Amino acid sequence: MTKKQAEKELERAKVLFEEQCKNGASGGNIKFEAFAKQWFQEYAEHTLRPKTIERYKQFEERSYQAIGHLRLDKITPRQIQAFIYSLEAEGLNQRTGGKQSPKTIKNNLSFISSIMDYAVSMFMIDSSPCAMFPCRQRSQSKRIATPWRKRSISWNFWKLNRFNGVPFLLWLSFPDSAALNCWAWSGKILISKAGL
């Protein structure tokens, strides 16, 4: 390398370093596990409820196994995604031996996201790799209005109106794929039909 090339490389490194210092993203060279332990001491114990801290402590072991060895500034959304998908594997649920529930998976993501958001607020990393990661929602099972259910709903309306002193007969006829939402509000009944 010539003297001129060395000076040019030094100038480029200097500019990169100054830019990182200006953005504050030069402190992300700490491992996730070490930073998470700091997060528990500095942030969680002072701001979160004891029950939340207890629940987050349950997520530590699995999270540290998956991404604890990685530097904060090197963790990518793809690695977070791989960890979350690994939680959907059979046999991880300690009680049932099956899959983790969607809520548990979402809570795991929330735990990691809280730590990463704290790192962003402390100017250790530029952005959280969890910021744009969507957590899958459990698919809703379709509720079908069976004849028995229709009778049950009409019986409940009759009981409700019997106490208001206004007996009436409610005939329900709606397609099986629809659901009936109803509310009692100061003696009036609102009925709306919504498809699922």
Protein backbone atom coordinates (compact mmCIF):
# COMPACT_ATOMS: atom_id res chain seq x y z
CA MET A 1 0.00 0.00 0.00
CA THR A 2 1.42 3.36 -0.99
CA LYS A 3 1.58 6.35 1.33
CA LYS A 4 -1.22 8.09 -0.58
CA GLN A 5 -3.50 5.00 -0.36
CA ALA A 6 -2.81 4.67 3.37
CA GLU A 7 -3.72 8.33 3.95
CA LYS A 8 -6.91 7.90 1.92
CA GLU A 9 -7.87 4.75 3.90
CA LEU A 10 -7.13 6.54 7.19
CA GLU A 11 -9.32 9.48 6.14
CA ARG A 12 -12.15 7.10 5.20
CA ALA A 13 -11.91 5.29 8.56
CA LYS A 14 -11.86 8.65 10.36
CA VAL A 15 -15.04 9.81 8.58
CA LEU A 16 -16.81 6.50 9.36
CA PHE A 17 -15.81 6.72 13.03
CA GLU A 18 -16.98 10.34 13.33
CA GLU A 19 -20.29 9.45 11.69
CA GLN A 20 -20.82 6.55 14.10
CA CYS A 21 -19.98 8.75 17.08
CA LYS A 22 -22.34 11.46 15.83
CA ASN A 23 -25.15 8.91 15.48
CA GLY A 24 -24.19 7.32 18.78
CA ALA A 25 -24.17 3.80 17.39
CA SER A 26 -20.64 2.92 18.46
CA GLY A 27 -21.60 1.11 21.69
CA GLY A 28 -23.34 -1.90 20.18
CA ASN A 29 -20.34 -4.17 20.53
CA ILE A 30 -21.76 -5.82 23.67
CA LYS A 31 -23.28 -9.31 23.59
CA PHE A 32 -27.07 -9.58 23.81
CA GLU A 33 -26.95 -11.67 26.99
CA ALA A 34 -24.70 -9.21 28.84
CA PHE A 35 -26.83 -6.26 27.74
CA ALA A 36 -30.06 -8.06 28.73
CA LYS A 37 -28.70 -8.53 32.25
CA GLN A 38 -27.87 -4.82 32.36
CA TRP A 39 -31.37 -4.06 31.07
CA PHE A 40 -32.90 -6.02 33.95
CA GLN A 41 -30.86 -4.00 36.48
CA GLU A 42 -31.06 -0.56 34.87
CA TYR A 43 -34.54 -0.54 33.38
CA ALA A 44 -36.83 -3.47 34.21
CA GLU A 45 -36.47 -3.43 37.99
CA HIS A 46 -37.33 0.28 38.08
CA THR A 47 -40.17 0.48 35.57
CA LEU A 48 -41.86 -2.91 35.10
CA ARG A 49 -44.21 -4.72 37.46
CA PRO A 50 -42.78 -7.68 39.41
CA LYS A 51 -45.07 -10.13 37.59
CA THR A 52 -43.79 -8.90 34.21
CA ILE A 53 -40.18 -9.22 35.35
CA GLU A 54 -40.89 -12.74 36.60
CA ARG A 55 -42.40 -13.67 33.23
CA TYR A 56 -39.48 -12.12 31.31
CA LYS A 57 -37.04 -14.12 33.47
CA GLN A 58 -38.71 -17.27 32.12
CA PHE A 59 -37.80 -16.21 28.57
CA GLU A 60 -34.11 -15.61 29.36
CA GLU A 61 -32.75 -19.13 28.87
CA ARG A 62 -34.22 -19.73 25.41
CA SER A 63 -33.40 -16.21 24.23
CA TYR A 64 -29.80 -16.44 25.43
CA GLN A 65 -29.36 -19.80 23.72
CA ALA A 66 -30.58 -18.39 20.41
CA ILE A 67 -29.11 -14.87 20.28
CA GLY A 68 -27.25 -14.33 23.57
CA HIS A 69 -23.85 -14.86 21.95
CA LEU A 70 -24.46 -12.23 19.24
CA ARG A 71 -23.40 -8.60 19.45
CA LEU A 72 -26.29 -6.14 19.66
CA ASP A 73 -25.24 -4.29 16.52
CA LYS A 74 -24.96 -7.57 14.56
CA ILE A 75 -28.43 -8.97 15.33
CA THR A 76 -30.63 -8.90 12.23
CA PRO A 77 -34.41 -9.19 11.78
CA ARG A 78 -33.77 -12.50 10.03
CA GLN A 79 -32.14 -13.94 13.17
CA ILE A 80 -35.05 -12.75 15.30
CA GLN A 81 -37.45 -14.32 12.81
CA ALA A 82 -35.56 -17.63 12.91
CA PHE A 83 -35.71 -17.62 16.72
CA ILE A 84 -39.45 -16.89 16.77
CA TYR A 85 -40.14 -19.62 14.21
CA SER A 86 -38.03 -22.06 16.24
CA LEU A 87 -40.43 -21.49 19.15
CA GLU A 88 -43.24 -22.95 17.02
CA ALA A 89 -41.59 -26.38 17.00
CA GLU A 90 -43.26 -29.36 18.66
CA GLY A 91 -42.11 -30.38 22.12
CA LEU A 92 -41.14 -26.95 23.46
CA ASN A 93 -44.15 -26.53 25.72
CA GLN A 94 -43.08 -27.88 29.11
CA ARG A 95 -46.62 -28.56 30.30
CA THR A 96 -48.17 -30.23 27.25
CA GLY A 97 -45.14 -31.27 25.23
CA GLY A 98 -46.64 -29.60 22.15
CA LYS A 99 -46.07 -26.24 20.52
CA GLN A 100 -45.75 -22.94 22.33
CA SER A 101 -48.96 -20.93 22.31
CA PRO A 102 -49.09 -17.85 20.05
CA LYS A 103 -49.29 -15.65 23.15
CA THR A 104 -46.08 -17.15 24.58
CA ILE A 105 -44.33 -16.60 21.27
CA LYS A 106 -45.58 -13.02 21.18
CA ASN A 107 -44.34 -12.51 24.77
CA ASN A 108 -40.89 -13.85 23.79
CA LEU A 109 -40.77 -11.32 20.97
CA SER A 110 -41.92 -8.61 23.37
CA PHE A 111 -39.07 -9.47 25.76
CA ILE A 112 -36.42 -9.22 23.04
CA SER A 113 -38.06 -6.13 21.56
CA SER A 114 -38.04 -4.34 24.93
CA ILE A 115 -34.32 -4.96 25.30
CA MET A 116 -33.60 -3.81 21.75
CA ASP A 117 -35.76 -0.70 22.14
CA TYR A 118 -33.83 0.16 25.29
CA ALA A 119 -30.56 -0.25 23.35
CA VAL A 120 -31.91 2.16 20.72
CA SER A 121 -32.91 4.68 23.40
CA MET A 122 -29.40 4.43 24.90
CA PHE A 123 -27.90 5.11 21.43
CA MET A 124 -26.17 1.73 21.33
CA ILE A 125 -27.76 0.68 18.03
CA ASP A 126 -29.45 2.66 15.27
CA SER A 127 -32.68 0.68 15.06
CA SER A 128 -34.30 -2.35 16.62
CA PRO A 129 -34.32 -5.53 14.51
CA CYS A 130 -37.70 -6.33 16.11
CA ALA A 131 -39.34 -3.10 14.94
CA MET A 132 -40.83 -4.43 11.72
CA PHE A 133 -41.28 -8.07 12.69
CA PRO A 134 -44.97 -9.06 12.66
CA CYS A 135 -46.08 -11.72 15.13
CA ARG A 136 -48.50 -14.23 13.65
CA GLN A 137 -51.99 -14.19 15.04
CA ARG A 138 -53.88 -17.37 15.76
CA SER A 139 -56.42 -17.98 13.01
CA GLN A 140 -59.92 -17.40 14.25
CA SER A 141 -62.23 -20.36 13.89
CA LYS A 142 -65.42 -19.55 12.07
CA ARG A 143 -68.48 -19.47 14.29
CA ILE A 144 -71.43 -21.10 12.64
CA ALA A 145 -74.97 -20.24 13.66
CA THR A 146 -76.53 -23.65 14.10
CA PRO A 147 -80.28 -24.05 14.65
CA TRP A 148 -79.58 -24.85 18.32
CA ARG A 149 -77.57 -21.65 18.66
CA LYS A 150 -80.33 -19.63 16.99
CA ARG A 151 -82.84 -21.00 19.49
CA SER A 152 -80.46 -20.25 22.35
CA ILE A 153 -79.99 -16.67 21.19
CA SER A 154 -83.73 -16.11 20.79
CA TRP A 155 -84.37 -17.62 24.26
CA ASN A 156 -81.81 -15.22 25.77
CA PHE A 157 -83.56 -12.29 24.07
CA TRP A 158 -86.90 -13.45 25.43
CA LYS A 159 -85.46 -13.69 28.96
CA LEU A 160 -83.81 -10.29 28.61
CA ASN A 161 -87.02 -8.57 27.49
CA ARG A 162 -89.19 -10.45 29.97
CA PHE A 163 -87.40 -8.57 32.75
CA ASN A 164 -88.00 -5.25 30.99
CA GLY A 165 -91.73 -6.01 30.93
CA VAL A 166 -91.97 -6.03 27.13
CA PRO A 167 -92.54 -9.60 25.95
CA PHE A 168 -91.94 -10.13 22.28
CA LEU A 169 -91.03 -12.87 19.88
CA LEU A 170 -87.80 -12.64 17.97
CA TRP A 171 -87.45 -14.59 14.80
CA LEU A 172 -83.91 -15.07 13.70
CA SER A 173 -83.13 -15.81 10.14
CA PHE A 174 -79.61 -15.19 9.02
CA PRO A 175 -77.09 -17.21 6.99
CA ASP A 176 -74.93 -19.77 8.75
CA SER A 177 -71.76 -17.81 8.06
CA ALA A 178 -73.00 -14.74 9.92
CA ALA A 179 -72.77 -13.88 13.57
CA LEU A 180 -75.27 -11.93 15.61
CA ASN A 181 -73.96 -9.19 17.86
CA CYS A 182 -76.35 -7.67 20.33
CA TRP A 183 -76.20 -5.21 23.20
CA ALA A 184 -78.77 -4.20 25.82
CA TRP A 185 -78.68 -0.47 26.35
CA SER A 186 -81.18 1.21 28.69
CA GLY A 187 -84.12 -0.99 27.72
CA LYS A 188 -83.36 -1.01 23.99
CA ILE A 189 -81.78 -3.89 22.13
CA LEU A 190 -79.51 -3.23 19.20
CA ILE A 191 -79.03 -6.07 16.78
CA SER A 192 -76.39 -6.05 14.11
CA LYS A 193 -75.45 -8.79 11.72
CA ALA A 194 -71.75 -9.18 10.94
CA GLY A 195 -70.08 -11.73 8.72
CA LEU A 196 -66.97 -13.54 9.99
